[in-house]
Amino acid sequence: MHKLSKTRRLGLFAASLAGLAMLVQAPPLGAQTQSSWPSKPIKLVVPYPPGGPLDQMARALAEKMRESLGQPILVENRAGAGGNIGADYVAKSQPDGYTLVVGAVATHAINPYLYAKMPYDANRDFSPIGMIAMVPNVLVMPTEAAQRLGIHSVKDLVAYGKKHPGKLNYASGGNGSAGHLAAELFKSTAGFSMVHIPYAGAAPAQLGLLAGQTDLMFDNLASAAGQIQAGKLKAFAVTSAQRSSQLPDVPTVAESGYQGFDISTWFGLMAPAATAEASIKALNRALAQALESKEIRERLVRMKADSSAMSPESFKQFISQEQRKYQALVKASGARVD
């Protein structure tokens, strides 16, 4: 058998020690990967069609967050099934911080109780990053109809509804929509009956309201604001816990005598579950900085939205609270999508 020389044996031993030292000093593979994040473009999925207010906000945020993160954020629309298709795509993506979704009250608080079968678990499959904004619904009637019926406030509306049970009807963007659930909560809280007239979307519902096909509606403030300002719709109350900064003279439903009434359309950033905590925190910081920018603040005003920045932990707790609320509301409404 060939024997190694003493010099050769010493050289191999020294090389082994050097290699061992490099292994001891090197950071774990995960740490190396995390330290370089983000090293490529990030995909932001909007689970609704392009062109809407939420899509426009997502694209504006993507541009501002790029400035903080140093990588482009590419917006991709994956619409369908009330937002479930886009949300499910992200839920099943790699948890590497490079695929995010604009989650909303529908995808994470309403749909889990509205749909008979869900393709994802709204809690288990996501890591919340942070809230973007909230937009309240607003209780409106055509101004001419309100004047004709002598309804000038929530109190007047409830009195009329109790005096004429079942005569009033209300429009919504569909079964299980935020407007539908807000109306169901209102009528049960106030103790009078109304007939639900669902439409295929909030825009057709508002057109039906303006045409006199229905009596009232809990419309999204961003959608109703123009008609309110034009004098075509009379705003009685907003559905959020506090008055909207975009409609400061209109009281809340709670202020109008129904304490605890609080329903708003909200949306925020989420990543697949098990995404690295360092990536979640970096994304939260970038989001918070973007929300403070002049461009985003101006866009929020145009959307009639109030910014509500939250930590990932606070956002997670908020979602849990919303789920409990909407679980009860969906059950009470009887709405179901098979």
Protein backbone atom coordinates (compact mmCIF):
# COMPACT_ATOMS: atom_id res chain seq x y z
CA MET A 1 0.00 0.00 0.00
CA HIS A 2 1.31 3.46 -0.92
CA LYS A 3 2.17 5.50 2.16
CA LEU A 4 1.74 9.32 2.27
CA SER A 5 4.79 11.29 3.23
CA LYS A 6 4.82 13.14 6.52
CA THR A 7 4.75 16.48 4.70
CA ARG A 8 1.76 15.37 2.62
CA ARG A 9 -0.14 14.19 5.73
CA LEU A 10 0.49 17.50 7.47
CA GLY A 11 -0.75 19.40 4.41
CA LEU A 12 -3.99 17.42 4.25
CA PHE A 13 -4.56 17.91 7.98
CA ALA A 14 -4.07 21.68 7.66
CA ALA A 15 -6.49 21.81 4.73
CA SER A 16 -9.10 19.89 6.75
CA LEU A 17 -8.78 22.32 9.64
CA ALA A 18 -9.16 25.27 7.29
CA GLY A 19 -12.28 23.73 5.77
CA LEU A 20 -13.76 23.06 9.20
CA ALA A 21 -13.08 26.65 10.23
CA MET A 22 -14.90 27.92 7.16
CA LEU A 23 -17.94 25.75 7.99
CA VAL A 24 -18.01 27.01 11.58
CA GLN A 25 -17.73 30.65 10.54
CA ALA A 26 -20.21 30.48 7.63
CA PRO A 27 -23.80 31.56 8.42
CA PRO A 28 -26.60 29.05 7.91
CA LEU A 29 -27.86 28.73 4.37
CA GLY A 30 -31.18 30.30 5.34
CA ALA A 31 -29.41 33.29 6.85
CA GLN A 32 -27.37 33.78 3.68
CA THR A 33 -30.52 33.67 1.60
CA GLN A 34 -32.38 36.05 3.91
CA SER A 35 -29.54 38.58 4.05
CA SER A 36 -29.77 39.02 0.27
CA TRP A 37 -33.56 39.47 0.23
CA PRO A 38 -34.94 40.94 -1.92
CA SER A 39 -32.60 40.04 -4.76
CA LYS A 40 -35.21 39.90 -7.54
CA PRO A 41 -38.59 41.45 -8.43
CA ILE A 42 -41.57 40.82 -6.14
CA LYS A 43 -44.99 39.81 -7.48
CA LEU A 44 -48.06 41.49 -5.97
CA VAL A 45 -51.32 39.71 -6.81
CA VAL A 46 -54.53 41.75 -6.90
CA PRO A 47 -57.43 39.26 -6.71
CA TYR A 48 -59.79 41.60 -8.59
CA PRO A 49 -60.02 42.93 -12.16
CA PRO A 50 -57.65 45.67 -13.36
CA GLY A 51 -58.68 49.30 -13.40
CA GLY A 52 -60.63 49.48 -10.15
CA PRO A 53 -59.69 51.68 -7.17
CA LEU A 54 -58.02 48.80 -5.30
CA ASP A 55 -55.98 47.85 -8.37
CA GLN A 56 -54.89 51.45 -8.89
CA MET A 57 -53.89 51.74 -5.24
CA ALA A 58 -51.88 48.50 -5.44
CA ARG A 59 -49.93 49.81 -8.44
CA ALA A 60 -49.19 53.12 -6.72
CA LEU A 61 -48.04 51.32 -3.56
CA ALA A 62 -45.87 48.97 -5.61
CA GLU A 63 -43.99 51.91 -7.06
CA LYS A 64 -43.45 53.61 -3.69
CA MET A 65 -42.41 50.38 -1.95
CA ARG A 66 -39.85 49.77 -4.72
CA GLU A 67 -38.04 52.86 -3.51
CA SER A 68 -37.60 51.30 -0.05
CA LEU A 69 -36.92 47.71 -1.08
CA GLY A 70 -34.72 48.36 -4.09
CA GLN A 71 -36.54 45.84 -6.28
CA PRO A 72 -39.50 46.24 -8.65
CA ILE A 73 -42.91 45.07 -7.44
CA LEU A 74 -44.89 43.71 -10.37
CA VAL A 75 -48.68 43.78 -10.05
CA GLU A 76 -50.62 40.85 -11.46
CA ASN A 77 -54.43 40.62 -11.56
CA ARG A 78 -55.95 37.20 -10.84
CA ALA A 79 -59.68 37.85 -10.48
CA GLY A 80 -62.60 35.53 -9.87
CA ALA A 81 -64.71 33.83 -7.21
CA GLY A 82 -64.97 36.95 -5.06
CA GLY A 83 -61.19 37.23 -4.81
CA ASN A 84 -60.64 33.57 -3.93
CA ILE A 85 -58.70 32.70 -7.09
CA GLY A 86 -55.96 35.27 -6.55
CA ALA A 87 -55.77 34.63 -2.83
CA ASP A 88 -55.49 30.88 -3.39
CA TYR A 89 -52.67 31.37 -5.89
CA VAL A 90 -50.62 33.21 -3.28
CA ALA A 91 -51.56 30.79 -0.50
CA LYS A 92 -49.98 27.99 -2.55
CA SER A 93 -46.89 29.98 -3.62
CA GLN A 94 -43.40 29.54 -2.19
CA PRO A 95 -43.04 31.39 1.15
CA ASP A 96 -39.91 33.21 0.00
CA GLY A 97 -41.18 36.79 0.22
CA TYR A 98 -41.47 37.18 -3.56
CA THR A 99 -45.22 36.58 -3.95
CA LEU A 100 -47.75 38.74 -2.08
CA VAL A 101 -51.47 39.41 -2.27
CA VAL A 102 -53.73 42.35 -1.55
CA GLY A 103 -56.06 40.59 0.87
CA ALA A 104 -59.40 42.18 1.71
CA VAL A 105 -62.43 41.90 3.93
CA ALA A 106 -64.00 39.60 1.32
CA THR A 107 -61.08 37.20 0.85
CA HIS A 108 -60.20 36.87 4.54
CA ALA A 109 -63.29 37.70 6.62
CA ILE A 110 -66.44 37.15 4.54
CA ASN A 111 -65.71 34.43 1.96
CA PRO A 112 -64.61 31.79 4.51
CA TYR A 113 -68.19 31.77 5.83
CA LEU A 114 -70.00 32.63 2.59
CA TYR A 115 -68.59 29.91 0.32
CA ALA A 116 -69.51 26.28 0.91
CA LYS A 117 -65.98 25.23 -0.11
CA MET A 118 -62.86 27.35 0.20
CA PRO A 119 -59.61 26.55 -1.65
CA TYR A 120 -57.48 28.01 1.15
CA ASP A 121 -57.52 28.60 4.88
CA ALA A 122 -57.64 32.34 5.52
CA ASN A 123 -55.61 32.00 8.72
CA ARG A 124 -53.35 28.99 8.29
CA ASP A 125 -52.19 29.79 4.75
CA PHE A 126 -51.16 33.44 5.13
CA SER A 127 -48.76 35.69 7.01
CA PRO A 128 -50.30 39.16 7.45
CA ILE A 129 -47.95 42.04 6.61
CA GLY A 130 -49.96 45.18 7.27
CA MET A 131 -53.14 47.13 6.73
CA ILE A 132 -53.33 49.49 3.76
CA ALA A 133 -56.61 51.32 4.30
CA MET A 134 -60.29 51.19 5.20
CA VAL A 135 -63.23 52.60 3.28
CA PRO A 136 -66.57 52.81 5.11
CA ASN A 137 -69.91 52.09 3.56
CA VAL A 138 -72.44 54.88 3.65
CA LEU A 139 -76.21 54.62 4.03
CA VAL A 140 -77.77 56.54 1.15
CA MET A 141 -81.15 57.23 -0.43
CA PRO A 142 -81.99 59.15 -3.60
CA THR A 143 -82.32 62.74 -2.43
CA GLU A 144 -85.69 63.26 -4.13
CA ALA A 145 -87.15 60.12 -2.54
CA ALA A 146 -85.83 61.07 0.90
CA GLN A 147 -87.47 64.47 0.67
CA ARG A 148 -90.74 63.01 -0.60
CA LEU A 149 -90.91 60.50 2.25
CA GLY A 150 -89.78 62.99 4.88
CA ILE A 151 -86.68 60.98 5.76
CA HIS A 152 -83.80 63.22 6.81
CA SER A 153 -81.86 61.03 9.23
CA VAL A 154 -81.28 57.48 10.42
CA LYS A 155 -83.91 58.09 13.09
CA ASP A 156 -86.46 59.09 10.44
CA LEU A 157 -85.60 56.05 8.31
CA VAL A 158 -86.06 53.62 11.19
CA ALA A 159 -89.36 55.26 12.18
CA TYR A 160 -90.64 54.96 8.60
CA GLY A 161 -89.48 51.35 8.37
CA LYS A 162 -91.27 50.39 11.57
CA LYS A 163 -94.44 52.19 10.50
CA HIS A 164 -94.39 50.49 7.07
CA PRO A 165 -92.87 47.03 7.69
CA GLY A 166 -91.53 45.37 4.56
CA LYS A 167 -92.27 48.36 2.32
CA LEU A 168 -88.67 49.55 2.06
CA ASN A 169 -86.20 47.64 -0.04
CA TYR A 170 -82.46 47.97 -0.36
CA ALA A 171 -79.96 47.31 -3.12
CA SER A 172 -76.65 45.51 -2.78
CA GLY A 173 -73.84 44.31 -4.99
CA GLY A 174 -74.88 40.72 -4.37
CA ASN A 175 -75.51 38.12 -1.70
CA GLY A 176 -72.80 38.24 0.93
CA SER A 177 -71.37 41.56 -0.24
CA ALA A 178 -70.32 44.09 2.38
CA GLY A 179 -73.35 46.24 1.54
CA HIS A 180 -75.70 43.29 1.97
CA LEU A 181 -74.25 42.36 5.34
CA ALA A 182 -74.24 45.98 6.53
CA ALA A 183 -77.95 46.28 5.70
CA GLU A 184 -78.76 42.99 7.42
CA LEU A 185 -76.94 44.10 10.55
CA PHE A 186 -78.70 47.46 10.45
CA LYS A 187 -82.21 46.13 10.07
CA SER A 188 -81.72 43.51 12.78
CA THR A 189 -80.18 46.07 15.14
CA ALA A 190 -82.84 48.68 14.45
CA GLY A 191 -85.66 46.13 14.59
CA PHE A 192 -87.52 46.56 11.30
CA SER A 193 -87.77 44.65 8.03
CA MET A 194 -86.53 45.52 4.54
CA VAL A 195 -86.52 43.55 1.29
CA HIS A 196 -83.13 42.71 -0.22
CA ILE A 197 -82.65 43.36 -3.97
CA PRO A 198 -79.26 41.92 -5.00
CA TYR A 199 -77.54 43.11 -8.18
CA ALA A 200 -74.57 41.72 -10.09
CA GLY A 201 -72.12 44.17 -8.58
CA ALA A 202 -72.10 47.45 -6.69
CA ALA A 203 -72.13 49.66 -9.81
CA PRO A 204 -75.38 48.18 -11.20
CA ALA A 205 -76.87 48.38 -7.71
CA GLN A 206 -76.14 52.09 -7.51
CA LEU A 207 -77.59 52.66 -10.98
CA GLY A 208 -80.75 50.85 -9.90
CA LEU A 209 -80.94 53.03 -6.80
CA LEU A 210 -80.56 56.24 -8.79
CA ALA A 211 -83.21 55.00 -11.25
CA GLY A 212 -85.70 54.52 -8.41
CA GLN A 213 -85.76 50.74 -8.63
CA THR A 214 -84.80 50.49 -4.96
CA ASP A 215 -85.15 52.72 -1.90
CA LEU A 216 -81.77 52.72 -0.21
CA MET A 217 -78.32 51.19 -0.19
CA PHE A 218 -75.24 50.74 1.95
CA ASP A 219 -72.81 51.80 -0.75
CA ASN A 220 -69.02 52.00 -0.63
CA LEU A 221 -68.06 55.60 0.14
CA ALA A 222 -65.58 55.73 -2.74
CA SER A 223 -68.38 54.82 -5.13
CA ALA A 224 -71.11 56.99 -3.60
CA ALA A 225 -69.11 60.15 -2.90
CA GLY A 226 -69.56 61.67 -6.36
CA GLN A 227 -73.34 61.20 -6.30
CA ILE A 228 -73.51 62.60 -2.76
CA GLN A 229 -71.53 65.68 -3.77
CA ALA A 230 -73.72 66.11 -6.84
CA GLY A 231 -76.81 66.11 -4.62
CA LYS A 232 -78.33 62.99 -6.20
CA LEU A 233 -77.89 60.83 -3.11
CA LYS A 234 -78.58 61.78 0.50
CA ALA A 235 -76.04 60.37 2.99
CA PHE A 236 -77.51 59.51 6.40
CA ALA A 237 -74.60 57.76 8.12
CA VAL A 238 -71.29 56.00 7.58
CA THR A 239 -70.86 52.46 8.85
CA SER A 240 -67.37 52.77 10.39
CA ALA A 241 -66.76 53.14 14.12
CA GLN A 242 -65.50 56.71 13.62
CA ARG A 243 -66.57 59.39 11.20
CA SER A 244 -64.79 59.33 7.87
CA SER A 245 -62.22 62.07 7.34
CA GLN A 246 -63.57 62.23 3.78
CA LEU A 247 -67.17 62.89 4.91
CA PRO A 248 -66.73 64.55 8.31
CA ASP A 249 -70.21 66.08 8.56
CA VAL A 250 -71.99 62.73 8.21
CA PRO A 251 -72.49 60.86 11.52
CA THR A 252 -71.78 57.19 12.08
CA VAL A 253 -74.55 54.63 12.48
CA ALA A 254 -73.29 54.20 16.04
CA GLU A 255 -73.70 57.92 16.71
CA SER A 256 -77.22 57.66 15.32
CA GLY A 257 -78.26 55.41 18.18
CA TYR A 258 -76.80 51.97 17.40
CA GLN A 259 -73.65 51.59 19.46
CA GLY A 260 -71.08 49.08 18.29
CA PHE A 261 -72.12 49.23 14.63
CA ASP A 262 -68.88 48.98 12.64
CA ILE A 263 -68.52 47.68 9.09
CA SER A 264 -65.85 48.87 6.67
CA THR A 265 -64.23 47.61 3.50
CA TRP A 266 -60.54 47.09 4.25
CA PHE A 267 -57.54 45.72 2.43
CA GLY A 268 -53.93 44.94 3.30
CA LEU A 269 -50.81 43.06 2.27
CA MET A 270 -50.30 39.36 2.97
CA ALA A 271 -47.71 36.72 2.14
CA PRO A 272 -47.83 32.92 2.14
CA ALA A 273 -47.59 31.33 5.57
CA ALA A 274 -44.05 30.55 6.79
CA THR A 275 -42.53 33.55 4.99
CA ALA A 276 -39.42 34.63 6.90
CA GLU A 277 -40.14 37.08 9.72
CA ALA A 278 -37.35 39.39 8.50
CA SER A 279 -39.05 39.67 5.09
CA ILE A 280 -42.43 40.36 6.70
CA LYS A 281 -40.94 43.13 8.84
CA ALA A 282 -39.11 44.66 5.89
CA LEU A 283 -42.30 44.66 3.83
CA ASN A 284 -44.23 46.20 6.73
CA ARG A 285 -41.67 49.01 7.01
CA ALA A 286 -41.79 49.65 3.27
CA LEU A 287 -45.59 49.72 3.36
CA ALA A 288 -45.65 52.16 6.29
CA GLN A 289 -43.21 54.48 4.51
CA ALA A 290 -45.28 54.34 1.33
CA LEU A 291 -48.48 55.20 3.22
CA GLU A 292 -46.78 58.32 4.59
CA SER A 293 -45.81 59.57 1.14
CA LYS A 294 -47.59 62.53 -0.41
CA GLU A 295 -48.57 60.56 -3.51
CA ILE A 296 -50.26 57.76 -1.58
CA ARG A 297 -51.99 60.14 0.86
CA GLU A 298 -53.48 62.04 -2.08
CA ARG A 299 -54.63 58.80 -3.68
CA LEU A 300 -56.26 57.69 -0.42
CA VAL A 301 -58.19 60.96 -0.31
CA ARG A 302 -59.45 60.34 -3.85
CA MET A 303 -60.53 56.84 -2.80
CA LYS A 304 -62.31 58.29 0.25
CA ALA A 305 -60.19 55.93 2.32
CA ASP A 306 -58.55 56.33 5.70
CA SER A 307 -55.06 54.92 6.11
CA SER A 308 -54.69 52.55 9.02
CA ALA A 309 -51.09 51.32 9.24
CA MET A 310 -50.66 48.32 11.54
CA SER A 311 -47.89 45.99 12.63
CA PRO A 312 -48.13 42.41 11.32
CA GLU A 313 -49.26 41.28 14.78
CA SER A 314 -51.95 43.96 15.05
CA PHE A 315 -53.18 43.21 11.53
CA LYS A 316 -53.47 39.51 12.39
CA GLN A 317 -55.53 40.32 15.49
CA PHE A 318 -57.72 42.68 13.47
CA ILE A 319 -58.44 39.98 10.88
CA SER A 320 -59.45 37.55 13.64
CA GLN A 321 -61.90 40.11 15.06
CA GLU A 322 -63.38 40.72 11.61
CA GLN A 323 -63.79 37.00 11.02
CA ARG A 324 -65.79 36.58 14.21
CA LYS A 325 -68.02 39.49 13.25
CA TYR A 326 -68.68 38.35 9.69
CA GLN A 327 -69.17 34.73 10.64
CA ALA A 328 -72.18 35.82 12.69
CA LEU A 329 -73.41 38.24 10.03
CA VAL A 330 -73.22 35.73 7.17
CA LYS A 331 -75.06 33.15 9.25
CA ALA A 332 -77.79 35.64 10.19
CA SER A 333 -78.19 36.80 6.60
CA GLY A 334 -78.59 33.29 5.24
CA ALA A 335 -76.30 34.15 2.32
CA ARG A 336 -74.46 31.19 0.76
CA VAL A 337 -72.40 30.54 -2.36
CA ASP A 338 -72.15 26.88 -3.40
